Amino acid sequence: MIAAPYRLSTDPAELQIDAIHAFLGTSYWAAGIPRETVARAVANSLCVGAFHGDAQIGFARVISDRATFAYLADVYVLEAHCGRGIARAMVQRLQDHPDLQGLRRWLLFTRDAHSVYAPLGWTPLEDAARLMQRHFPDVYKGVAS
């Protein structure tokens, strides 16, 4: 739960793709991501936005089969609004979502926000050697954003 003047919404119609793209396009994990890619990702995910008045100041999304697995991605809060529990509230809202109950595993990648996730039950992988990836870090280079 976050306090006024902040509010959370899972209504896709309220999400501001331009605001989400503006942040993600400069983030360490999605630098240069095209707006079209952000729009497609949002449309195909379960999302929550954080708002201060009419301005979207935070975002988080889950990619899931809604049966066994969920991947938490793109969690951010604009710097001017950090330190108010907004990121944790967004993650909690997604974890509590009725479509995401009874899942066997959730995953996320984070470089620096472990303290946000740990109080919500997230722990480091016990056996990271089991995790594999296909990674294309330059996929957005040369694509119009």
N, C-alpha and C. Protein backbone atom coordinates (compact mmCIF):
# COMPACT_ATOMS: atom_id res chain seq x y z
N MET A 1 0.84 -1.18 0.00
CA MET A 1 0.00 0.00 0.00
C MET A 1 0.89 1.25 0.00
N ILE A 2 0.56 2.17 -0.85
CA ILE A 2 1.29 3.44 -0.87
C ILE A 2 0.33 4.56 -0.49
N ALA A 3 0.88 5.62 0.00
CA ALA A 3 0.06 6.74 0.49
C ALA A 3 -0.17 7.78 -0.59
N ALA A 4 -1.29 8.48 -0.47
CA ALA A 4 -1.57 9.61 -1.36
C ALA A 4 -0.42 10.60 -1.23
N PRO A 5 -0.07 11.26 -2.30
CA PRO A 5 -0.80 11.43 -3.54
C PRO A 5 -0.49 10.37 -4.59
N TYR A 6 0.14 9.27 -4.19
CA TYR A 6 0.48 8.21 -5.13
C TYR A 6 -0.65 7.20 -5.22
N ARG A 7 -0.73 6.55 -6.37
CA ARG A 7 -1.69 5.46 -6.54
C ARG A 7 -1.14 4.46 -7.55
N LEU A 8 -1.62 3.23 -7.45
CA LEU A 8 -1.23 2.17 -8.38
C LEU A 8 -2.43 1.80 -9.24
N SER A 9 -2.15 1.35 -10.46
CA SER A 9 -3.21 0.88 -11.34
C SER A 9 -2.71 -0.28 -12.19
N THR A 10 -3.55 -1.29 -12.32
CA THR A 10 -3.27 -2.40 -13.24
C THR A 10 -4.14 -2.29 -14.50
N ASP A 11 -4.81 -1.17 -14.67
CA ASP A 11 -5.65 -0.94 -15.84
C ASP A 11 -4.76 -0.61 -17.04
N PRO A 12 -4.74 -1.48 -18.06
CA PRO A 12 -3.88 -1.21 -19.23
C PRO A 12 -4.17 0.13 -19.90
N ALA A 13 -5.39 0.60 -19.82
CA ALA A 13 -5.75 1.86 -20.47
C ALA A 13 -5.07 3.06 -19.80
N GLU A 14 -4.64 2.92 -18.57
CA GLU A 14 -3.99 4.03 -17.86
C GLU A 14 -2.49 4.09 -18.11
N LEU A 15 -1.89 3.01 -18.58
CA LEU A 15 -0.45 2.99 -18.77
C LEU A 15 -0.04 3.95 -19.88
N GLN A 16 1.00 4.72 -19.61
CA GLN A 16 1.47 5.75 -20.53
C GLN A 16 2.73 5.25 -21.24
N ILE A 17 2.53 4.69 -22.41
CA ILE A 17 3.64 4.06 -23.15
C ILE A 17 4.79 5.04 -23.38
N ASP A 18 4.50 6.28 -23.67
CA ASP A 18 5.58 7.25 -23.89
C ASP A 18 6.42 7.43 -22.63
N ALA A 19 5.78 7.51 -21.46
CA ALA A 19 6.51 7.66 -20.21
C ALA A 19 7.33 6.40 -19.90
N ILE A 20 6.75 5.25 -20.12
CA ILE A 20 7.46 3.98 -19.88
C ILE A 20 8.66 3.89 -20.81
N HIS A 21 8.44 4.20 -22.07
CA HIS A 21 9.53 4.16 -23.05
C HIS A 21 10.63 5.15 -22.70
N ALA A 22 10.24 6.35 -22.26
CA ALA A 22 11.24 7.37 -21.91
C ALA A 22 12.19 6.86 -20.84
N PHE A 23 11.67 6.14 -19.86
CA PHE A 23 12.55 5.62 -18.82
C PHE A 23 13.33 4.40 -19.31
N LEU A 24 12.63 3.42 -19.85
CA LEU A 24 13.31 2.19 -20.24
C LEU A 24 14.38 2.43 -21.29
N GLY A 25 14.14 3.37 -22.18
CA GLY A 25 15.11 3.65 -23.24
C GLY A 25 16.45 4.15 -22.73
N THR A 26 16.49 4.61 -21.48
CA THR A 26 17.74 5.07 -20.89
C THR A 26 18.20 4.19 -19.74
N SER A 27 17.48 3.11 -19.46
CA SER A 27 17.83 2.23 -18.34
C SER A 27 19.03 1.37 -18.71
N TYR A 28 19.71 0.85 -17.68
CA TYR A 28 20.87 -0.01 -17.95
C TYR A 28 20.46 -1.33 -18.58
N TRP A 29 19.24 -1.76 -18.41
CA TRP A 29 18.84 -3.08 -18.92
C TRP A 29 18.12 -3.03 -20.26
N ALA A 30 17.66 -1.86 -20.70
CA ALA A 30 16.93 -1.79 -21.97
C ALA A 30 17.29 -0.55 -22.77
N ALA A 31 18.50 -0.06 -22.61
CA ALA A 31 18.93 1.16 -23.31
C ALA A 31 18.67 1.03 -24.81
N GLY A 32 18.05 2.06 -25.36
CA GLY A 32 17.80 2.10 -26.80
C GLY A 32 16.59 1.31 -27.26
N ILE A 33 15.82 0.74 -26.35
CA ILE A 33 14.67 -0.06 -26.75
C ILE A 33 13.68 0.78 -27.57
N PRO A 34 13.23 0.29 -28.69
CA PRO A 34 12.28 1.05 -29.50
C PRO A 34 10.91 1.16 -28.82
N ARG A 35 10.23 2.26 -29.06
CA ARG A 35 8.90 2.46 -28.49
C ARG A 35 7.96 1.33 -28.87
N GLU A 36 8.00 0.90 -30.10
CA GLU A 36 7.13 -0.19 -30.57
C GLU A 36 7.35 -1.47 -29.76
N THR A 37 8.59 -1.74 -29.42
CA THR A 37 8.91 -2.93 -28.61
C THR A 37 8.34 -2.79 -27.21
N VAL A 38 8.45 -1.59 -26.62
CA VAL A 38 7.87 -1.35 -25.30
C VAL A 38 6.36 -1.55 -25.36
N ALA A 39 5.71 -0.99 -26.36
CA ALA A 39 4.25 -1.12 -26.49
C ALA A 39 3.85 -2.59 -26.60
N ARG A 40 4.57 -3.36 -27.38
CA ARG A 40 4.27 -4.78 -27.54
C ARG A 40 4.50 -5.54 -26.23
N ALA A 41 5.59 -5.22 -25.52
CA ALA A 41 5.88 -5.87 -24.24
C ALA A 41 4.79 -5.58 -23.22
N VAL A 42 4.36 -4.33 -23.14
CA VAL A 42 3.31 -3.95 -22.20
C VAL A 42 2.00 -4.67 -22.55
N ALA A 43 1.66 -4.72 -23.82
CA ALA A 43 0.42 -5.36 -24.25
C ALA A 43 0.40 -6.85 -23.93
N ASN A 44 1.56 -7.47 -23.87
CA ASN A 44 1.63 -8.92 -23.65
C ASN A 44 2.06 -9.30 -22.24
N SER A 45 1.96 -8.37 -21.31
CA SER A 45 2.35 -8.62 -19.93
C SER A 45 1.25 -8.18 -18.99
N LEU A 46 1.34 -8.63 -17.76
CA LEU A 46 0.47 -8.13 -16.70
C LEU A 46 1.26 -7.00 -16.04
N CYS A 47 0.71 -5.79 -16.05
CA CYS A 47 1.48 -4.61 -15.65
C CYS A 47 0.82 -3.85 -14.52
N VAL A 48 1.64 -3.07 -13.83
CA VAL A 48 1.16 -2.11 -12.84
C VAL A 48 1.91 -0.81 -13.06
N GLY A 49 1.18 0.27 -13.00
CA GLY A 49 1.78 1.60 -13.09
C GLY A 49 1.61 2.33 -11.78
N ALA A 50 2.57 3.18 -11.46
CA ALA A 50 2.48 4.06 -10.30
C ALA A 50 2.29 5.48 -10.81
N PHE A 51 1.38 6.20 -10.18
CA PHE A 51 1.02 7.53 -10.65
C PHE A 51 1.08 8.55 -9.52
N HIS A 52 1.52 9.75 -9.89
CA HIS A 52 1.49 10.92 -9.02
C HIS A 52 0.64 11.92 -9.77
N GLY A 53 -0.60 12.09 -9.34
CA GLY A 53 -1.55 12.86 -10.14
C GLY A 53 -1.79 12.11 -11.44
N ASP A 54 -1.67 12.82 -12.55
CA ASP A 54 -1.85 12.19 -13.86
C ASP A 54 -0.56 11.65 -14.45
N ALA A 55 0.56 11.89 -13.79
CA ALA A 55 1.86 11.51 -14.34
C ALA A 55 2.25 10.10 -13.90
N GLN A 56 2.65 9.28 -14.85
CA GLN A 56 3.15 7.95 -14.52
C GLN A 56 4.60 8.10 -14.05
N ILE A 57 4.86 7.64 -12.82
CA ILE A 57 6.19 7.80 -12.23
C ILE A 57 6.86 6.45 -11.92
N GLY A 58 6.16 5.36 -12.21
CA GLY A 58 6.73 4.04 -11.97
C GLY A 58 6.01 2.99 -12.78
N PHE A 59 6.64 1.83 -12.86
CA PHE A 59 6.11 0.76 -13.70
C PHE A 59 6.75 -0.56 -13.29
N ALA A 60 6.01 -1.64 -13.47
CA ALA A 60 6.54 -2.99 -13.32
C ALA A 60 5.65 -3.92 -14.14
N ARG A 61 6.24 -5.02 -14.62
CA ARG A 61 5.43 -5.96 -15.39
C ARG A 61 5.86 -7.39 -15.10
N VAL A 62 4.94 -8.31 -15.35
CA VAL A 62 5.19 -9.74 -15.20
C VAL A 62 4.86 -10.42 -16.52
N ILE A 63 5.77 -11.27 -16.95
CA ILE A 63 5.54 -12.14 -18.09
C ILE A 63 5.29 -13.53 -17.50
N SER A 64 4.16 -14.13 -17.85
CA SER A 64 3.80 -15.39 -17.20
C SER A 64 2.89 -16.24 -18.05
N ASP A 65 2.95 -17.56 -17.81
CA ASP A 65 1.95 -18.47 -18.38
C ASP A 65 0.72 -18.54 -17.48
N ARG A 66 0.80 -17.88 -16.32
CA ARG A 66 -0.28 -17.79 -15.33
C ARG A 66 -0.67 -19.16 -14.79
N ALA A 67 0.26 -20.11 -14.88
CA ALA A 67 0.02 -21.45 -14.36
C ALA A 67 1.18 -21.95 -13.50
N THR A 68 2.43 -21.73 -14.01
CA THR A 68 3.58 -22.29 -13.32
C THR A 68 4.73 -21.32 -13.10
N PHE A 69 4.83 -20.28 -13.92
CA PHE A 69 6.05 -19.47 -13.95
C PHE A 69 5.73 -17.99 -14.18
N ALA A 70 6.53 -17.12 -13.56
CA ALA A 70 6.43 -15.68 -13.79
C ALA A 70 7.82 -15.07 -13.80
N TYR A 71 8.01 -14.10 -14.66
CA TYR A 71 9.25 -13.34 -14.73
C TYR A 71 8.91 -11.87 -14.49
N LEU A 72 9.49 -11.30 -13.45
CA LEU A 72 9.27 -9.90 -13.10
C LEU A 72 10.29 -9.05 -13.85
N ALA A 73 9.81 -8.00 -14.50
CA ALA A 73 10.70 -7.21 -15.36
C ALA A 73 10.35 -5.73 -15.31
N ASP A 74 11.33 -4.92 -15.70
CA ASP A 74 11.15 -3.50 -15.97
C ASP A 74 10.59 -2.71 -14.78
N VAL A 75 11.00 -3.08 -13.58
CA VAL A 75 10.55 -2.35 -12.39
C VAL A 75 11.35 -1.05 -12.28
N TYR A 76 10.65 0.07 -12.23
CA TYR A 76 11.33 1.34 -12.01
C TYR A 76 10.41 2.34 -11.33
N VAL A 77 11.02 3.29 -10.66
CA VAL A 77 10.36 4.47 -10.10
C VAL A 77 11.27 5.64 -10.43
N LEU A 78 10.70 6.72 -10.94
CA LEU A 78 11.50 7.89 -11.25
C LEU A 78 12.21 8.37 -9.99
N GLU A 79 13.45 8.82 -10.17
CA GLU A 79 14.31 9.18 -9.04
C GLU A 79 13.67 10.14 -8.05
N ALA A 80 12.93 11.11 -8.53
CA ALA A 80 12.31 12.11 -7.64
C ALA A 80 11.28 11.49 -6.70
N HIS A 81 10.85 10.27 -6.98
CA HIS A 81 9.81 9.62 -6.18
C HIS A 81 10.33 8.38 -5.45
N CYS A 82 11.62 8.13 -5.52
CA CYS A 82 12.21 6.96 -4.85
C CYS A 82 12.19 7.14 -3.33
N GLY A 83 12.28 6.01 -2.64
CA GLY A 83 12.35 6.04 -1.19
C GLY A 83 11.01 6.12 -0.50
N ARG A 84 9.93 5.93 -1.24
CA ARG A 84 8.59 6.02 -0.66
C ARG A 84 7.86 4.68 -0.67
N GLY A 85 8.58 3.60 -1.00
CA GLY A 85 7.97 2.27 -1.01
C GLY A 85 7.16 1.96 -2.25
N ILE A 86 7.31 2.78 -3.28
CA ILE A 86 6.49 2.61 -4.48
C ILE A 86 6.86 1.35 -5.25
N ALA A 87 8.15 1.10 -5.45
CA ALA A 87 8.58 -0.11 -6.18
C ALA A 87 8.10 -1.35 -5.44
N ARG A 88 8.30 -1.38 -4.14
CA ARG A 88 7.88 -2.55 -3.36
C ARG A 88 6.37 -2.73 -3.45
N ALA A 89 5.61 -1.63 -3.42
CA ALA A 89 4.15 -1.72 -3.52
C ALA A 89 3.72 -2.25 -4.88
N MET A 90 4.42 -1.84 -5.94
CA MET A 90 4.08 -2.36 -7.28
C MET A 90 4.34 -3.85 -7.36
N VAL A 91 5.49 -4.29 -6.86
CA VAL A 91 5.82 -5.72 -6.89
C VAL A 91 4.81 -6.50 -6.05
N GLN A 92 4.47 -5.99 -4.88
CA GLN A 92 3.48 -6.67 -4.03
C GLN A 92 2.14 -6.79 -4.75
N ARG A 93 1.73 -5.71 -5.43
CA ARG A 93 0.46 -5.74 -6.18
C ARG A 93 0.49 -6.86 -7.22
N LEU A 94 1.61 -7.00 -7.93
CA LEU A 94 1.71 -8.07 -8.92
C LEU A 94 1.74 -9.44 -8.26
N GLN A 95 2.48 -9.58 -7.17
CA GLN A 95 2.54 -10.87 -6.48
C GLN A 95 1.16 -11.28 -5.95
N ASP A 96 0.33 -10.30 -5.60
CA ASP A 96 -1.00 -10.58 -5.07
C ASP A 96 -2.06 -10.76 -6.16
N HIS A 97 -1.71 -10.52 -7.40
CA HIS A 97 -2.69 -10.58 -8.49
C HIS A 97 -3.32 -11.98 -8.55
N PRO A 98 -4.64 -12.07 -8.67
CA PRO A 98 -5.31 -13.37 -8.68
C PRO A 98 -4.82 -14.32 -9.77
N ASP A 99 -4.41 -13.79 -10.92
CA ASP A 99 -3.94 -14.64 -12.02
C ASP A 99 -2.56 -15.22 -11.77
N LEU A 100 -1.88 -14.76 -10.73
CA LEU A 100 -0.50 -15.18 -10.50
C LEU A 100 -0.34 -15.97 -9.20
N GLN A 101 -1.43 -16.55 -8.73
CA GLN A 101 -1.37 -17.34 -7.50
C GLN A 101 -1.07 -18.80 -7.83
N GLY A 102 -0.34 -19.46 -6.95
CA GLY A 102 -0.05 -20.89 -7.11
C GLY A 102 1.07 -21.19 -8.09
N LEU A 103 1.83 -20.17 -8.50
CA LEU A 103 2.93 -20.41 -9.43
C LEU A 103 4.08 -21.12 -8.71
N ARG A 104 4.78 -21.95 -9.43
CA ARG A 104 5.90 -22.70 -8.84
C ARG A 104 7.15 -21.84 -8.71
N ARG A 105 7.39 -20.95 -9.66
CA ARG A 105 8.63 -20.17 -9.65
C ARG A 105 8.42 -18.78 -10.23
N TRP A 106 9.06 -17.81 -9.60
CA TRP A 106 9.18 -16.45 -10.11
C TRP A 106 10.67 -16.18 -10.26
N LEU A 107 11.04 -15.42 -11.28
CA LEU A 107 12.43 -14.99 -11.46
C LEU A 107 12.48 -13.51 -11.76
N LEU A 108 13.64 -12.93 -11.51
CA LEU A 108 13.92 -11.56 -11.92
C LEU A 108 15.43 -11.41 -12.00
N PHE A 109 15.87 -10.40 -12.70
CA PHE A 109 17.27 -10.00 -12.73
C PHE A 109 17.33 -8.60 -12.14
N THR A 110 18.30 -8.35 -11.27
CA THR A 110 18.52 -7.01 -10.75
C THR A 110 20.00 -6.81 -10.48
N ARG A 111 20.46 -5.63 -10.75
CA ARG A 111 21.86 -5.29 -10.48
C ARG A 111 22.00 -4.66 -9.11
N ASP A 112 20.97 -3.91 -8.67
CA ASP A 112 21.16 -3.09 -7.50
C ASP A 112 19.94 -2.91 -6.60
N ALA A 113 18.88 -3.67 -6.80
CA ALA A 113 17.66 -3.45 -6.02
C ALA A 113 17.28 -4.64 -5.14
N HIS A 114 18.26 -5.39 -4.71
CA HIS A 114 17.98 -6.56 -3.87
C HIS A 114 17.18 -6.19 -2.63
N SER A 115 17.44 -5.02 -2.06
CA SER A 115 16.75 -4.61 -0.84
C SER A 115 15.26 -4.33 -1.08
N VAL A 116 14.88 -4.08 -2.31
CA VAL A 116 13.45 -3.90 -2.63
C VAL A 116 12.75 -5.25 -2.60
N TYR A 117 13.39 -6.26 -3.14
CA TYR A 117 12.75 -7.56 -3.34
C TYR A 117 12.84 -8.50 -2.14
N ALA A 118 13.91 -8.45 -1.39
CA ALA A 118 14.11 -9.38 -0.28
C ALA A 118 12.95 -9.37 0.73
N PRO A 119 12.44 -8.21 1.15
CA PRO A 119 11.32 -8.23 2.09
C PRO A 119 10.03 -8.84 1.53
N LEU A 120 9.99 -9.03 0.23
CA LEU A 120 8.82 -9.62 -0.42
C LEU A 120 9.01 -11.11 -0.70
N GLY A 121 10.06 -11.69 -0.12
CA GLY A 121 10.27 -13.13 -0.24
C GLY A 121 11.24 -13.57 -1.32
N TRP A 122 11.87 -12.65 -1.99
CA TRP A 122 12.82 -12.99 -3.05
C TRP A 122 14.17 -13.34 -2.44
N THR A 123 14.83 -14.35 -2.98
CA THR A 123 16.14 -14.78 -2.51
C THR A 123 17.06 -15.01 -3.71
N PRO A 124 18.37 -14.97 -3.49
CA PRO A 124 19.29 -15.31 -4.58
C PRO A 124 19.09 -16.77 -5.02
N LEU A 125 19.40 -17.04 -6.27
CA LEU A 125 19.33 -18.42 -6.75
C LEU A 125 20.30 -19.29 -5.97
N GLU A 126 19.84 -20.44 -5.56
CA GLU A 126 20.72 -21.36 -4.83
C GLU A 126 21.73 -22.01 -5.77
N ASP A 127 21.32 -22.28 -6.98
CA ASP A 127 22.20 -22.94 -7.93
C ASP A 127 22.12 -22.21 -9.27
N ALA A 128 22.78 -21.07 -9.34
CA ALA A 128 22.73 -20.25 -10.56
C ALA A 128 23.30 -20.98 -11.76
N ALA A 129 24.10 -22.02 -11.55
CA ALA A 129 24.67 -22.77 -12.67
C ALA A 129 23.58 -23.47 -13.48
N ARG A 130 22.41 -23.65 -12.90
CA ARG A 130 21.30 -24.28 -13.63
C ARG A 130 20.65 -23.32 -14.62
N LEU A 131 20.86 -22.04 -14.41
CA LEU A 131 20.23 -21.02 -15.24
C LEU A 131 21.06 -20.80 -16.50
N MET A 132 20.39 -20.79 -17.63
CA MET A 132 21.06 -20.52 -18.91
C MET A 132 20.32 -19.40 -19.61
N GLN A 133 20.97 -18.83 -20.60
CA GLN A 133 20.34 -17.73 -21.32
C GLN A 133 20.79 -17.69 -22.77
N ARG A 134 19.99 -17.03 -23.58
CA ARG A 134 20.38 -16.56 -24.91
C ARG A 134 20.30 -15.05 -24.78
N HIS A 135 21.39 -14.35 -24.96
CA HIS A 135 21.44 -12.92 -24.69
C HIS A 135 21.94 -12.18 -25.92
N PHE A 136 21.23 -11.17 -26.32
CA PHE A 136 21.57 -10.37 -27.49
C PHE A 136 21.62 -8.91 -27.07
N PRO A 137 22.70 -8.48 -26.40
CA PRO A 137 22.76 -7.15 -25.81
C PRO A 137 22.70 -6.00 -26.81
N ASP A 138 22.98 -6.22 -28.05
CA ASP A 138 22.97 -5.15 -29.05
C ASP A 138 21.73 -5.15 -29.93
N VAL A 139 20.69 -5.87 -29.53
CA VAL A 139 19.52 -6.03 -30.38
C VAL A 139 18.84 -4.70 -30.72
N TYR A 140 18.94 -3.67 -29.86
CA TYR A 140 18.27 -2.41 -30.13
C TYR A 140 19.13 -1.40 -30.88
N LYS A 141 20.40 -1.71 -31.08
CA LYS A 141 21.28 -0.79 -31.81
C LYS A 141 20.84 -0.70 -33.26
N GLY A 142 20.72 0.50 -33.74
CA GLY A 142 20.35 0.70 -35.13
C GLY A 142 18.86 0.60 -35.39
N VAL A 143 18.06 0.38 -34.33
CA VAL A 143 16.61 0.32 -34.49
C VAL A 143 16.05 1.66 -34.04
N ALA A 144 15.17 2.24 -34.82
CA ALA A 144 14.58 3.54 -34.45
C ALA A 144 13.80 3.40 -33.17
N SER A 145 14.01 4.34 -32.27
CA SER A 145 13.27 4.32 -31.01
C SER A 145 12.25 5.42 -31.02
